């Protein structure tokens, strides 16, 4: 059985036992997190939500928190001798899917 969930404005395909990096969640390491924005349940029978599947949830355990690689944003305005350089590192949370319930 698999599910498509929404977390942090992005959609992910998850299965039981899989690990996933999502946008930072406010939860301690080792805590149980319930993701109730389930868009689709797949397997023997497929259930498609409008927009979410009712009474469906995905339970996960927080493995760790971290920061992604630095990306550089460089802007240059030609003929103006103007430049702008910014760096950004996105925070993330690694979760392990423990169960999918419908």
Protein backbone atom coordinates (compact mmCIF):
# COMPACT_ATOMS: atom_id res chain seq x y z
CA UNK A 1 0.00 0.00 0.00
CA UNK A 2 1.22 3.48 -0.79
CA UNK A 3 -0.06 7.00 -0.32
CA UNK A 4 0.53 10.44 -1.78
CA UNK A 5 0.70 13.05 0.95
CA UNK A 6 1.13 16.80 1.08
CA UNK A 7 3.66 18.36 3.45
CA UNK A 8 5.23 21.79 3.29
CA UNK A 9 3.44 22.62 0.03
CA UNK A 10 4.96 19.63 -1.77
CA UNK A 11 3.58 16.20 -2.62
CA UNK A 12 5.37 12.95 -1.80
CA UNK A 13 4.73 9.28 -2.57
CA UNK A 14 5.29 7.24 0.60
CA UNK A 15 5.29 3.57 1.58
CA UNK A 16 5.57 1.92 4.98
CA UNK A 17 9.16 1.70 6.18
CA UNK A 18 10.40 4.39 3.78
CA UNK A 19 12.38 7.48 4.78
CA UNK A 20 11.58 10.95 3.51
CA UNK A 21 12.94 14.49 3.79
CA UNK A 22 10.22 17.10 4.25
CA UNK A 23 10.25 20.79 5.14
CA UNK A 24 11.08 21.39 8.80
CA UNK A 25 8.43 20.14 11.24
CA UNK A 26 8.08 21.39 14.83
CA UNK A 27 8.59 18.02 16.53
CA UNK A 28 11.29 16.45 18.66
CA UNK A 29 13.50 13.63 17.40
CA UNK A 30 11.78 10.30 18.11
CA UNK A 31 8.29 11.84 18.27
CA UNK A 32 5.32 10.46 16.35
CA UNK A 33 3.91 12.77 13.66
CA UNK A 34 0.51 12.33 12.00
CA UNK A 35 0.15 13.56 8.42
CA UNK A 36 -3.55 13.83 7.57
CA UNK A 37 -3.33 15.56 4.19
CA UNK A 38 -3.57 12.35 2.15
CA UNK A 39 -4.31 13.00 -1.53
CA UNK A 40 -4.40 9.40 -2.76
CA UNK A 41 -4.31 5.88 -1.36
CA UNK A 42 -3.08 3.14 -3.68
CA UNK A 43 -2.78 -0.60 -3.55
CA UNK A 44 -5.49 -3.22 -4.08
CA UNK A 45 -8.08 -0.43 -4.21
CA UNK A 46 -7.34 3.16 -5.14
CA UNK A 47 -8.99 6.05 -3.30
CA UNK A 48 -8.64 9.55 -4.72
CA UNK A 49 -9.45 12.54 -2.52
CA UNK A 50 -11.26 15.75 -3.40
CA UNK A 51 -8.84 17.23 -2.40
CA UNK A 52 -8.07 14.93 0.57
CA UNK A 53 -9.12 11.35 1.35
CA UNK A 54 -11.44 11.32 4.38
CA UNK A 55 -10.37 9.37 7.49
CA UNK A 56 -6.97 8.59 5.99
CA UNK A 57 -3.72 9.36 7.76
CA UNK A 58 -0.05 8.54 7.62
CA UNK A 59 1.90 8.07 10.84
CA UNK A 60 5.62 8.76 10.86
CA UNK A 61 8.48 8.97 13.33
CA UNK A 62 10.93 11.87 13.32
CA UNK A 63 14.46 10.58 12.67
CA UNK A 64 16.46 13.82 12.65
CA UNK A 65 16.59 17.48 11.71
CA UNK A 66 19.14 19.11 9.44
CA UNK A 67 19.97 21.78 6.93
CA UNK A 68 20.31 21.32 3.19
CA UNK A 69 23.19 22.33 0.96
CA UNK A 70 23.79 26.03 0.44
CA UNK A 71 22.41 27.48 -2.75
CA UNK A 72 23.67 30.80 -4.06
CA UNK A 73 21.35 33.37 -5.56
CA UNK A 74 23.25 35.85 -7.75
CA UNK A 75 21.63 38.82 -9.43
CA UNK A 76 23.39 41.26 -11.72
CA UNK A 77 22.03 44.35 -13.38
CA UNK A 78 23.96 45.04 -16.57
CA UNK A 79 25.52 48.42 -17.21
CA UNK A 80 24.74 49.54 -13.66
CA UNK A 81 27.71 48.07 -11.80
CA UNK A 82 25.20 46.47 -9.43
CA UNK A 83 25.39 42.97 -8.05
CA UNK A 84 23.61 41.06 -5.30
CA UNK A 85 24.74 37.71 -3.86
CA UNK A 86 22.68 35.82 -1.30
CA UNK A 87 23.05 32.36 0.17
CA UNK A 88 20.28 30.13 1.51
CA UNK A 89 20.12 26.82 3.40
CA UNK A 90 16.72 25.16 3.80
CA UNK A 91 15.86 23.40 7.05
CA UNK A 92 14.46 19.88 6.73
CA UNK A 93 13.18 17.00 8.84
CA UNK A 94 13.83 13.34 8.03
CA UNK A 95 10.87 11.10 8.86
CA UNK A 96 10.32 7.34 8.70
CA UNK A 97 6.85 6.15 7.68
CA UNK A 98 5.47 3.69 10.24
CA UNK A 99 1.88 3.15 9.11
CA UNK A 100 -0.72 4.14 6.51
CA UNK A 101 -4.35 3.88 7.59
CA UNK A 102 -7.52 4.44 5.59
